[in-house]
Each structure stands twice: as structure tokens, then as C-alpha cells.
């Protein structure tokens, strides 16, 4: 599979996961050879608000993207789900990040 078709394949898997976040869809995404790129980033744990805001702004300055928490890199571009200790309330996180992010960013 060439790099272009590989990227298309994992983007389809990512889309499935975002539409229906589930363990099976996450497993398929990880098995699709998804690679971290300008528009996809895997993080082991939630980071400070300022650091997260910097990541979001960097992605927004390109063409947007997705950060998935709870994945640990065990070797180059190989990840395993480890979960996240802290429950994340999207509304609360959005409020907390609001002071760092421009209001022009799409939600």
C-alpha cells in the first residue's frame, strides 16, 4: 500500500472511530497503521491546559486535526490503549481551554 492510500485507509478508520467511539473501532484504527502526523496525534495522558492549547493551535494552523488520549507508544508508530485516569468533561475542557484559544477556532 503506498503512502497516499495508506493515509486514506487510516483516515477512514479514524472517521469511523469518531462517528462511533468504541473499543472495536479504536482497535481497527490502531491496526490500520495509523501514523501520527500533522492532523493526528496520540497522547498517553491529558496534559496541562496551556500545552494542550498549543497542540490545538498548531493543528489549527495547518488544516485541523484530532488528538486521541489514552494511547501509549510502545515502539515507533505502534500504540497500545492504556486509558485515561482522569474523566474528561468536554464542556468543562472547552471552558478551560477557552482562555487560551481564539474564538475563531471551529468546535
PDB file of N, CA and C in Angstrom:
ATOM      1  N   UNK A   1       0.856  -1.169   0.000  1.00  0.00           N
ATOM      2  CA  UNK A   1       0.000   0.000   0.000  1.00  0.00           C
ATOM      3  C   UNK A   1       0.902   1.232   0.000  1.00  0.00           C
ATOM      4  N   UNK A   2       0.693   2.156  -0.958  1.00  0.00           N
ATOM      5  CA  UNK A   2       1.540   3.346  -0.974  1.00  0.00           C
ATOM      6  C   UNK A   2       1.114   4.322   0.112  1.00  0.00           C
ATOM      7  N   UNK A   3       1.959   5.318   0.362  1.00  0.00           N
ATOM      8  CA  UNK A   3       1.744   6.243   1.476  1.00  0.00           C
ATOM      9  C   UNK A   3       0.411   6.975   1.362  1.00  0.00           C
ATOM     10  N   UNK A   4       0.029   7.374   0.150  1.00  0.00           N
ATOM     11  CA  UNK A   4      -1.217   8.101  -0.058  1.00  0.00           C
ATOM     12  C   UNK A   4      -2.431   7.228   0.250  1.00  0.00           C
ATOM     13  N   UNK A   5      -2.434   5.993  -0.259  1.00  0.00           N
ATOM     14  CA  UNK A   5      -3.578   5.115   0.010  1.00  0.00           C
ATOM     15  C   UNK A   5      -3.584   4.639   1.456  1.00  0.00           C
ATOM     16  N   UNK A   6      -2.387   4.500   2.067  1.00  0.00           N
ATOM     17  CA  UNK A   6      -2.308   4.129   3.484  1.00  0.00           C
ATOM     18  C   UNK A   6      -2.951   5.222   4.327  1.00  0.00           C
ATOM     19  N   UNK A   7      -2.645   6.494   4.014  1.00  0.00           N
ATOM     20  CA  UNK A   7      -3.203   7.604   4.774  1.00  0.00           C
ATOM     21  C   UNK A   7      -4.721   7.647   4.608  1.00  0.00           C
ATOM     22  N   UNK A   8      -5.209   7.421   3.383  1.00  0.00           N
ATOM     23  CA  UNK A   8      -6.651   7.413   3.146  1.00  0.00           C
ATOM     24  C   UNK A   8      -7.309   6.304   3.968  1.00  0.00           C
ATOM     25  N   UNK A   9      -6.687   5.137   3.996  1.00  0.00           N
ATOM     26  CA  UNK A   9      -7.245   3.999   4.727  1.00  0.00           C
ATOM     27  C   UNK A   9      -7.398   4.326   6.212  1.00  0.00           C
ATOM     28  N   UNK A  10      -6.338   4.840   6.865  1.00  0.00           N
ATOM     29  CA  UNK A  10      -6.473   5.100   8.290  1.00  0.00           C
ATOM     30  C   UNK A  10      -7.378   6.286   8.559  1.00  0.00           C
ATOM     31  N   UNK A  11      -7.486   7.214   7.611  1.00  0.00           N
ATOM     32  CA  UNK A  11      -8.421   8.331   7.805  1.00  0.00           C
ATOM     33  C   UNK A  11      -9.862   7.822   7.796  1.00  0.00           C
ATOM     34  N   UNK A  12     -10.137   6.824   6.988  1.00  0.00           N
ATOM     35  CA  UNK A  12     -11.468   6.214   7.001  1.00  0.00           C
ATOM     36  C   UNK A  12     -11.722   5.536   8.350  1.00  0.00           C
ATOM     37  N   UNK A  13     -10.717   4.847   8.875  1.00  0.00           N
ATOM     38  CA  UNK A  13     -10.843   4.200  10.181  1.00  0.00           C
ATOM     39  C   UNK A  13     -11.030   5.251  11.283  1.00  0.00           C
ATOM     40  N   UNK A  14     -10.304   6.368  11.172  1.00  0.00           N
ATOM     41  CA  UNK A  14     -10.437   7.454  12.147  1.00  0.00           C
ATOM     42  C   UNK A  14     -11.849   8.022  12.101  1.00  0.00           C
ATOM     43  N   UNK A  15     -12.366   8.212  10.905  1.00  0.00           N
ATOM     44  CA  UNK A  15     -13.723   8.725  10.750  1.00  0.00           C
ATOM     45  C   UNK A  15     -14.735   7.791  11.406  1.00  0.00           C
ATOM     46  N   UNK A  16     -14.581   6.495  11.186  1.00  0.00           N
ATOM     47  CA  UNK A  16     -15.470   5.513  11.828  1.00  0.00           C
ATOM     48  C   UNK A  16     -15.385   5.616  13.346  1.00  0.00           C
ATOM     49  N   UNK A  17     -14.156   5.744  13.861  1.00  0.00           N
ATOM     50  CA  UNK A  17     -13.969   5.829  15.310  1.00  0.00           C
ATOM     51  C   UNK A  17     -14.617   7.093  15.869  1.00  0.00           C
ATOM     52  N   UNK A  18     -14.469   8.226  15.174  1.00  0.00           N
ATOM     53  CA  UNK A  18     -15.034   9.484  15.667  1.00  0.00           C
ATOM     54  C   UNK A  18     -16.555   9.480  15.607  1.00  0.00           C
ATOM     55  N   UNK A  19     -17.120   8.823  14.594  1.00  0.00           N
ATOM     56  CA  UNK A  19     -18.576   8.733  14.496  1.00  0.00           C
ATOM     57  C   UNK A  19     -19.156   7.800  15.548  1.00  0.00           C
ATOM     58  N   UNK A  20     -18.414   6.740  15.852  1.00  0.00           N
ATOM     59  CA  UNK A  20     -18.858   5.773  16.850  1.00  0.00           C
ATOM     60  C   UNK A  20     -17.658   5.316  17.683  1.00  0.00           C
ATOM     61  N   UNK A  21     -17.314   6.126  18.724  1.00  0.00           N
ATOM     62  CA  UNK A  21     -16.157   5.746  19.551  1.00  0.00           C
ATOM     63  C   UNK A  21     -16.447   4.466  20.331  1.00  0.00           C
ATOM     64  N   UNK A  22     -15.711   3.430  20.018  1.00  0.00           N
ATOM     65  CA  UNK A  22     -15.882   2.148  20.701  1.00  0.00           C
ATOM     66  C   UNK A  22     -14.542   1.426  20.694  1.00  0.00           C
ATOM     67  N   UNK A  23     -14.422   0.436  21.549  1.00  0.00           N
ATOM     68  CA  UNK A  23     -13.174  -0.347  21.582  1.00  0.00           C
ATOM     69  C   UNK A  23     -12.893  -1.028  20.243  1.00  0.00           C
ATOM     70  N   UNK A  24     -13.899  -1.669  19.633  1.00  0.00           N
ATOM     71  CA  UNK A  24     -13.613  -2.307  18.337  1.00  0.00           C
ATOM     72  C   UNK A  24     -13.154  -1.306  17.270  1.00  0.00           C
ATOM     73  N   UNK A  25     -13.781  -0.119  17.238  1.00  0.00           N
ATOM     74  CA  UNK A  25     -13.371   0.875  16.244  1.00  0.00           C
ATOM     75  C   UNK A  25     -11.983   1.424  16.545  1.00  0.00           C
ATOM     76  N   UNK A  26     -11.638   1.572  17.816  1.00  0.00           N
ATOM     77  CA  UNK A  26     -10.286   2.001  18.175  1.00  0.00           C
ATOM     78  C   UNK A  26      -9.283   0.925  17.765  1.00  0.00           C
ATOM     79  N   UNK A  27      -9.619  -0.321  18.020  1.00  0.00           N
ATOM     80  CA  UNK A  27      -8.731  -1.429  17.640  1.00  0.00           C
ATOM     81  C   UNK A  27      -8.488  -1.424  16.130  1.00  0.00           C
ATOM     82  N   UNK A  28      -9.563  -1.228  15.351  1.00  0.00           N
ATOM     83  CA  UNK A  28      -9.409  -1.181  13.887  1.00  0.00           C
ATOM     84  C   UNK A  28      -8.541   0.000  13.466  1.00  0.00           C
ATOM     85  N   UNK A  29      -8.713   1.144  14.128  1.00  0.00           N
ATOM     86  CA  UNK A  29      -7.889   2.316  13.814  1.00  0.00           C
ATOM     87  C   UNK A  29      -6.421   2.013  14.065  1.00  0.00           C
ATOM     88  N   UNK A  30      -6.121   1.420  15.212  1.00  0.00           N
ATOM     89  CA  UNK A  30      -4.726   1.118  15.544  1.00  0.00           C
ATOM     90  C   UNK A  30      -4.145   0.057  14.614  1.00  0.00           C
ATOM     91  N   UNK A  31      -4.971  -0.856  14.150  1.00  0.00           N
ATOM     92  CA  UNK A  31      -4.494  -1.893  13.235  1.00  0.00           C
ATOM     93  C   UNK A  31      -4.394  -1.397  11.792  1.00  0.00           C
ATOM     94  N   UNK A  32      -4.917  -0.202  11.528  1.00  0.00           N
ATOM     95  CA  UNK A  32      -4.908   0.329  10.161  1.00  0.00           C
ATOM     96  C   UNK A  32      -3.608   1.045   9.834  1.00  0.00           C
ATOM     97  N   UNK A  33      -2.622   0.894  10.703  1.00  0.00           N
ATOM     98  CA  UNK A  33      -1.321   1.532  10.521  1.00  0.00           C
ATOM     99  C   UNK A  33      -1.436   3.052  10.541  1.00  0.00           C
ATOM    100  N   UNK A  34      -2.345   3.552  11.385  1.00  0.00           N
ATOM    101  CA  UNK A  34      -2.468   4.997  11.557  1.00  0.00           C
ATOM    102  C   UNK A  34      -1.141   5.536  12.069  1.00  0.00           C
ATOM    103  N   UNK A  35      -0.709   6.627  11.494  1.00  0.00           N
ATOM    104  CA  UNK A  35       0.553   7.219  11.921  1.00  0.00           C
ATOM    105  C   UNK A  35       0.309   8.636  12.406  1.00  0.00           C
ATOM    106  N   UNK A  36       1.049   9.010  13.436  1.00  0.00           N
ATOM    107  CA  UNK A  36       0.951  10.381  13.903  1.00  0.00           C
ATOM    108  C   UNK A  36       1.446  11.288  12.787  1.00  0.00           C
ATOM    109  N   UNK A  37       0.738  12.381  12.604  1.00  0.00           N
ATOM    110  CA  UNK A  37       1.031  13.301  11.521  1.00  0.00           C
ATOM    111  C   UNK A  37       0.587  14.684  11.972  1.00  0.00           C
ATOM    112  N   UNK A  38       0.594  15.642  11.053  1.00  0.00           N
ATOM    113  CA  UNK A  38       0.141  16.990  11.399  1.00  0.00           C
ATOM    114  C   UNK A  38      -1.315  17.005  11.829  1.00  0.00           C
ATOM    115  N   UNK A  39      -2.092  16.011  11.398  1.00  0.00           N
ATOM    116  CA  UNK A  39      -3.520  16.023  11.704  1.00  0.00           C
ATOM    117  C   UNK A  39      -3.985  14.882  12.613  1.00  0.00           C
ATOM    118  N   UNK A  40      -3.044  14.115  13.146  1.00  0.00           N
ATOM    119  CA  UNK A  40      -3.400  13.045  14.080  1.00  0.00           C
ATOM    120  C   UNK A  40      -2.292  12.903  15.114  1.00  0.00           C
ATOM    121  N   UNK A  41      -2.684  12.963  16.379  1.00  0.00           N
ATOM    122  CA  UNK A  41      -1.703  12.870  17.460  1.00  0.00           C
ATOM    123  C   UNK A  41      -2.266  11.974  18.554  1.00  0.00           C
ATOM    124  N   UNK A  42      -1.459  11.036  19.022  1.00  0.00           N
ATOM    125  CA  UNK A  42      -1.845  10.161  20.127  1.00  0.00           C
ATOM    126  C   UNK A  42      -1.088  10.597  21.370  1.00  0.00           C
ATOM    127  N   UNK A  43      -1.785  10.687  22.491  1.00  0.00           N
ATOM    128  CA  UNK A  43      -1.163  11.066  23.759  1.00  0.00           C
ATOM    129  C   UNK A  43      -1.524  10.037  24.817  1.00  0.00           C
ATOM    130  N   UNK A  44      -0.570   9.764  25.688  1.00  0.00           N
ATOM    131  CA  UNK A  44      -0.796   8.798  26.762  1.00  0.00           C
ATOM    132  C   UNK A  44      -1.772   9.357  27.795  1.00  0.00           C
ATOM    133  N   UNK A  45      -1.607  10.626  28.132  1.00  0.00           N
ATOM    134  CA  UNK A  45      -2.454  11.210  29.178  1.00  0.00           C
ATOM    135  C   UNK A  45      -2.775  12.658  28.852  1.00  0.00           C
ATOM    136  N   UNK A  46      -3.774  13.158  29.548  1.00  0.00           N
ATOM    137  CA  UNK A  46      -4.159  14.557  29.402  1.00  0.00           C
ATOM    138  C   UNK A  46      -3.016  15.426  29.891  1.00  0.00           C
ATOM    139  N   UNK A  47      -2.779  16.526  29.207  1.00  0.00           N
ATOM    140  CA  UNK A  47      -1.675  17.416  29.576  1.00  0.00           C
ATOM    141  C   UNK A  47      -2.238  18.715  30.129  1.00  0.00           C
ATOM    142  N   UNK A  48      -1.355  19.607  30.524  1.00  0.00           N
ATOM    143  CA  UNK A  48      -1.798  20.895  31.058  1.00  0.00           C
ATOM    144  C   UNK A  48      -2.597  21.647  29.995  1.00  0.00           C
ATOM    145  N   UNK A  49      -3.450  22.544  30.451  1.00  0.00           N
ATOM    146  CA  UNK A  49      -4.288  23.312  29.532  1.00  0.00           C
ATOM    147  C   UNK A  49      -3.448  24.104  28.539  1.00  0.00           C
ATOM    148  N   UNK A  50      -2.369  24.729  29.019  1.00  0.00           N
ATOM    149  CA  UNK A  50      -1.548  25.546  28.119  1.00  0.00           C
ATOM    150  C   UNK A  50      -0.879  24.681  27.052  1.00  0.00           C
ATOM    151  N   UNK A  51      -0.377  23.524  27.446  1.00  0.00           N
ATOM    152  CA  UNK A  51       0.283  22.637  26.485  1.00  0.00           C
ATOM    153  C   UNK A  51      -0.731  22.094  25.472  1.00  0.00           C
ATOM    154  N   UNK A  52      -1.908  21.717  25.952  1.00  0.00           N
ATOM    155  CA  UNK A  52      -2.948  21.220  25.058  1.00  0.00           C
ATOM    156  C   UNK A  52      -3.378  22.316  24.082  1.00  0.00           C
ATOM    157  N   UNK A  53      -3.524  23.538  24.580  1.00  0.00           N
ATOM    158  CA  UNK A  53      -3.898  24.661  23.717  1.00  0.00           C
ATOM    159  C   UNK A  53      -2.856  24.868  22.620  1.00  0.00           C
ATOM    160  N   UNK A  54      -1.580  24.727  22.959  1.00  0.00           N
ATOM    161  CA  UNK A  54      -0.518  24.869  21.947  1.00  0.00           C
ATOM    162  C   UNK A  54      -0.649  23.799  20.865  1.00  0.00           C
ATOM    163  N   UNK A  55      -0.949  22.565  21.271  1.00  0.00           N
ATOM    164  CA  UNK A  55      -1.136  21.483  20.292  1.00  0.00           C
ATOM    165  C   UNK A  55      -2.328  21.783  19.377  1.00  0.00           C
ATOM    166  N   UNK A  56      -3.412  22.254  19.970  1.00  0.00           N
ATOM    167  CA  UNK A  56      -4.617  22.550  19.192  1.00  0.00           C
ATOM    168  C   UNK A  56      -4.346  23.675  18.201  1.00  0.00           C
ATOM    169  N   UNK A  57      -3.672  24.725  18.656  1.00  0.00           N
ATOM    170  CA  UNK A  57      -3.361  25.854  17.772  1.00  0.00           C
ATOM    171  C   UNK A  57      -2.438  25.415  16.639  1.00  0.00           C
ATOM    172  N   UNK A  58      -1.452  24.576  16.957  1.00  0.00           N
ATOM    173  CA  UNK A  58      -0.543  24.081  15.912  1.00  0.00           C
ATOM    174  C   UNK A  58      -1.320  23.309  14.849  1.00  0.00           C
ATOM    175  N   UNK A  59      -2.259  22.463  15.280  1.00  0.00           N
ATOM    176  CA  UNK A  59      -3.065  21.716  14.314  1.00  0.00           C
ATOM    177  C   UNK A  59      -3.961  22.655  13.514  1.00  0.00           C
ATOM    178  N   UNK A  60      -4.538  23.636  14.196  1.00  0.00           N
ATOM    179  CA  UNK A  60      -5.429  24.582  13.518  1.00  0.00           C
ATOM    180  C   UNK A  60      -4.671  25.407  12.488  1.00  0.00           C
ATOM    181  N   UNK A  61      -3.405  25.685  12.752  1.00  0.00           N
ATOM    182  CA  UNK A  61      -2.599  26.456  11.804  1.00  0.00           C
ATOM    183  C   UNK A  61      -2.295  25.664  10.540  1.00  0.00           C
ATOM    184  N   UNK A  62      -2.429  24.364  10.603  1.00  0.00           N
ATOM    185  CA  UNK A  62      -2.261  23.520   9.410  1.00  0.00           C
ATOM    186  C   UNK A  62      -3.641  23.406   8.766  1.00  0.00           C
ATOM    187  N   UNK A  63      -4.324  22.321   9.015  1.00  0.00           N
ATOM    188  CA  UNK A  63      -5.668  22.144   8.447  1.00  0.00           C
ATOM    189  C   UNK A  63      -6.622  21.494   9.440  1.00  0.00           C
ATOM    190  N   UNK A  64      -6.257  21.524  10.712  1.00  0.00           N
ATOM    191  CA  UNK A  64      -7.079  20.882  11.729  1.00  0.00           C
ATOM    192  C   UNK A  64      -6.545  19.501  12.043  1.00  0.00           C
ATOM    193  N   UNK A  65      -7.171  18.841  12.984  1.00  0.00           N
ATOM    194  CA  UNK A  65      -6.701  17.518  13.334  1.00  0.00           C
ATOM    195  C   UNK A  65      -7.406  16.959  14.550  1.00  0.00           C
ATOM    196  N   UNK A  66      -6.907  15.823  15.000  1.00  0.00           N
ATOM    197  CA  UNK A  66      -7.507  15.092  16.108  1.00  0.00           C
ATOM    198  C   UNK A  66      -6.406  14.654  17.062  1.00  0.00           C
ATOM    199  N   UNK A  67      -6.667  14.820  18.358  1.00  0.00           N
ATOM    200  CA  UNK A  67      -5.773  14.304  19.395  1.00  0.00           C
ATOM    201  C   UNK A  67      -6.555  13.229  20.136  1.00  0.00           C
ATOM    202  N   UNK A  68      -5.991  12.038  20.221  1.00  0.00           N
ATOM    203  CA  UNK A  68      -6.635  10.938  20.942  1.00  0.00           C
ATOM    204  C   UNK A  68      -5.794  10.633  22.175  1.00  0.00           C
ATOM    205  N   UNK A  69      -6.422  10.723  23.342  1.00  0.00           N
ATOM    206  CA  UNK A  69      -5.736  10.468  24.607  1.00  0.00           C
ATOM    207  C   UNK A  69      -5.922   9.015  25.026  1.00  0.00           C
ATOM    208  N   UNK A  70      -4.973   8.524  25.811  1.00  0.00           N
ATOM    209  CA  UNK A  70      -5.078   7.179  26.359  1.00  0.00           C
ATOM    210  C   UNK A  70      -4.371   6.127  25.530  1.00  0.00           C
ATOM    211  N   UNK A  71      -3.444   6.566  24.669  1.00  0.00           N
ATOM    212  CA  UNK A  71      -2.676   5.626  23.850  1.00  0.00           C
ATOM    213  C   UNK A  71      -1.195   5.824  24.116  1.00  0.00           C
ATOM    214  N   UNK A  72      -0.520   4.754  24.457  1.00  0.00           N
ATOM    215  CA  UNK A  72       0.913   4.810  24.751  1.00  0.00           C
ATOM    216  C   UNK A  72       1.698   4.240  23.573  1.00  0.00           C
ATOM    217  N   UNK A  73       2.739   4.971  23.160  1.00  0.00           N
ATOM    218  CA  UNK A  73       3.596   4.487  22.078  1.00  0.00           C
ATOM    219  C   UNK A  73       4.552   3.454  22.661  1.00  0.00           C
ATOM    220  N   UNK A  74       4.491   2.229  22.148  1.00  0.00           N
ATOM    221  CA  UNK A  74       5.373   1.177  22.667  1.00  0.00           C
ATOM    222  C   UNK A  74       6.595   0.978  21.778  1.00  0.00           C
ATOM    223  N   UNK A  75       6.493   1.383  20.540  1.00  0.00           N
ATOM    224  CA  UNK A  75       7.644   1.484  19.629  1.00  0.00           C
ATOM    225  C   UNK A  75       7.210   2.420  18.511  1.00  0.00           C
ATOM    226  N   UNK A  76       8.101   2.761  17.620  1.00  0.00           N
ATOM    227  CA  UNK A  76       7.792   3.745  16.581  1.00  0.00           C
ATOM    228  C   UNK A  76       6.474   3.417  15.872  1.00  0.00           C
ATOM    229  N   UNK A  77       5.511   4.331  15.995  1.00  0.00           N
ATOM    230  CA  UNK A  77       4.192   4.207  15.368  1.00  0.00           C
ATOM    231  C   UNK A  77       3.429   2.939  15.729  1.00  0.00           C
ATOM    232  N   UNK A  78       3.684   2.410  16.914  1.00  0.00           N
ATOM    233  CA  UNK A  78       2.907   1.288  17.438  1.00  0.00           C
ATOM    234  C   UNK A  78       2.388   1.705  18.806  1.00  0.00           C
ATOM    235  N   UNK A  79       1.068   1.684  18.953  1.00  0.00           N
ATOM    236  CA  UNK A  79       0.442   2.205  20.164  1.00  0.00           C
ATOM    237  C   UNK A  79      -0.428   1.142  20.810  1.00  0.00           C
ATOM    238  N   UNK A  80      -0.558   1.260  22.134  1.00  0.00           N
ATOM    239  CA  UNK A  80      -1.490   0.374  22.841  1.00  0.00           C
ATOM    240  C   UNK A  80      -2.391   1.247  23.705  1.00  0.00           C
ATOM    241  N   UNK A  81      -3.665   0.877  23.797  1.00  0.00           N
ATOM    242  CA  UNK A  81      -4.595   1.629  24.632  1.00  0.00           C
ATOM    243  C   UNK A  81      -4.262   1.431  26.112  1.00  0.00           C
ATOM    244  N   UNK A  82      -4.152   2.530  26.844  1.00  0.00           N
ATOM    245  CA  UNK A  82      -3.897   2.457  28.283  1.00  0.00           C
ATOM    246  C   UNK A  82      -4.986   3.183  29.074  1.00  0.00           C
ATOM    247  N   UNK A  83      -5.881   3.852  28.366  1.00  0.00           N
ATOM    248  CA  UNK A  83      -6.945   4.584  29.040  1.00  0.00           C
ATOM    249  C   UNK A  83      -6.444   5.884  29.638  1.00  0.00           C
ATOM    250  N   UNK A  84      -7.368   6.619  30.215  1.00  0.00           N
ATOM    251  CA  UNK A  84      -7.042   7.884  30.858  1.00  0.00           C
ATOM    252  C   UNK A  84      -7.584   7.827  32.271  1.00  0.00           C
ATOM    253  N   UNK A  85      -6.750   8.204  33.230  1.00  0.00           N
ATOM    254  CA  UNK A  85      -7.175   8.172  34.635  1.00  0.00           C
ATOM    255  C   UNK A  85      -8.272   9.184  34.907  1.00  0.00           C
ATOM    256  N   UNK A  86      -8.086  10.385  34.394  1.00  0.00           N
ATOM    257  CA  UNK A  86      -8.996  11.488  34.687  1.00  0.00           C
ATOM    258  C   UNK A  86     -10.156  11.487  33.692  1.00  0.00           C
ATOM    259  N   UNK A  87     -11.387  11.515  34.211  1.00  0.00           N
ATOM    260  CA  UNK A  87     -12.554  11.645  33.337  1.00  0.00           C
ATOM    261  C   UNK A  87     -12.523  13.036  32.721  1.00  0.00           C
ATOM    262  N   UNK A  88     -12.821  13.123  31.437  1.00  0.00           N
ATOM    263  CA  UNK A  88     -12.778  14.402  30.739  1.00  0.00           C
ATOM    264  C   UNK A  88     -14.197  14.819  30.389  1.00  0.00           C
ATOM    265  N   UNK A  89     -14.631  15.941  30.952  1.00  0.00           N
ATOM    266  CA  UNK A  89     -15.924  16.512  30.612  1.00  0.00           C
ATOM    267  C   UNK A  89     -15.682  17.495  29.466  1.00  0.00           C
ATOM    268  N   UNK A  90     -16.168  17.196  28.262  1.00  0.00           N
ATOM    269  CA  UNK A  90     -15.881  18.052  27.106  1.00  0.00           C
ATOM    270  C   UNK A  90     -16.291  19.511  27.303  1.00  0.00           C
ATOM    271  N   UNK A  91     -17.431  19.752  27.949  1.00  0.00           N
ATOM    272  CA  UNK A  91     -17.884  21.124  28.173  1.00  0.00           C
ATOM    273  C   UNK A  91     -16.937  21.859  29.102  1.00  0.00           C
ATOM    274  N   UNK A  92     -16.525  21.205  30.173  1.00  0.00           N
ATOM    275  CA  UNK A  92     -15.584  21.812  31.121  1.00  0.00           C
ATOM    276  C   UNK A  92     -14.234  22.075  30.453  1.00  0.00           C
ATOM    277  N   UNK A  93     -13.758  21.114  29.687  1.00  0.00           N
ATOM    278  CA  UNK A  93     -12.477  21.275  28.998  1.00  0.00           C
ATOM    279  C   UNK A  93     -12.546  22.434  28.008  1.00  0.00           C
ATOM    280  N   UNK A  94     -13.647  22.530  27.300  1.00  0.00           N
ATOM    281  CA  UNK A  94     -13.824  23.631  26.344  1.00  0.00           C
ATOM    282  C   UNK A  94     -13.773  24.980  27.059  1.00  0.00           C
ATOM    283  N   UNK A  95     -14.424  25.075  28.217  1.00  0.00           N
ATOM    284  CA  UNK A  95     -14.391  26.325  29.001  1.00  0.00           C
ATOM    285  C   UNK A  95     -12.978  26.646  29.455  1.00  0.00           C
ATOM    286  N   UNK A  96     -12.282  25.627  29.979  1.00  0.00           N
ATOM    287  CA  UNK A  96     -10.921  25.847  30.489  1.00  0.00           C
ATOM    288  C   UNK A  96      -9.964  26.240  29.376  1.00  0.00           C
ATOM    289  N   UNK A  97     -10.141  25.674  28.194  1.00  0.00           N
ATOM    290  CA  UNK A  97      -9.260  25.998  27.070  1.00  0.00           C
ATOM    291  C   UNK A  97      -9.630  27.322  26.408  1.00  0.00           C
ATOM    292  N   UNK A  98     -10.858  27.771  26.634  1.00  0.00           N
ATOM    293  CA  UNK A  98     -11.343  28.994  26.000  1.00  0.00           C
ATOM    294  C   UNK A  98     -10.475  30.209  26.236  1.00  0.00           C
ATOM    295  N   UNK A  99      -9.823  30.269  27.389  1.00  0.00           N
ATOM    296  CA  UNK A  99      -8.983  31.438  27.681  1.00  0.00           C
ATOM    297  C   UNK A  99      -7.683  31.428  26.886  1.00  0.00           C
ATOM    298  N   UNK A 100      -7.334  30.292  26.287  1.00  0.00           N
ATOM    299  CA  UNK A 100      -6.088  30.181  25.523  1.00  0.00           C
ATOM    300  C   UNK A 100      -6.308  30.177  24.011  1.00  0.00           C
ATOM    301  N   UNK A 101      -7.503  29.808  23.586  1.00  0.00           N
ATOM    302  CA  UNK A 101      -7.754  29.611  22.161  1.00  0.00           C
ATOM    303  C   UNK A 101      -8.572  30.758  21.583  1.00  0.00           C
ATOM    304  N   UNK A 102      -8.260  31.157  20.356  1.00  0.00           N
ATOM    305  CA  UNK A 102      -9.060  32.199  19.717  1.00  0.00           C
ATOM    306  C   UNK A 102     -10.475  31.696  19.456  1.00  0.00           C
ATOM    307  N   UNK A 103     -11.433  32.583  19.529  1.00  0.00           N
ATOM    308  CA  UNK A 103     -12.833  32.186  19.343  1.00  0.00           C
ATOM    309  C   UNK A 103     -13.128  31.798  17.898  1.00  0.00           C
ATOM    310  N   UNK A 104     -12.190  32.030  16.992  1.00  0.00           N
ATOM    311  CA  UNK A 104     -12.409  31.690  15.585  1.00  0.00           C
ATOM    312  C   UNK A 104     -12.172  30.220  15.283  1.00  0.00           C
ATOM    313  N   UNK A 105     -11.652  29.454  16.252  1.00  0.00           N
ATOM    314  CA  UNK A 105     -11.439  28.025  16.014  1.00  0.00           C
ATOM    315  C   UNK A 105     -12.777  27.310  15.952  1.00  0.00           C
ATOM    316  N   UNK A 106     -12.898  26.400  14.999  1.00  0.00           N
ATOM    317  CA  UNK A 106     -14.105  25.607  14.843  1.00  0.00           C
ATOM    318  C   UNK A 106     -14.196  24.574  15.951  1.00  0.00           C
ATOM    319  N   UNK A 107     -15.395  24.339  16.459  1.00  0.00           N
ATOM    320  CA  UNK A 107     -15.573  23.352  17.532  1.00  0.00           C
ATOM    321  C   UNK A 107     -16.104  22.074  16.966  1.00  0.00           C
TER     322      UNK A 107
END
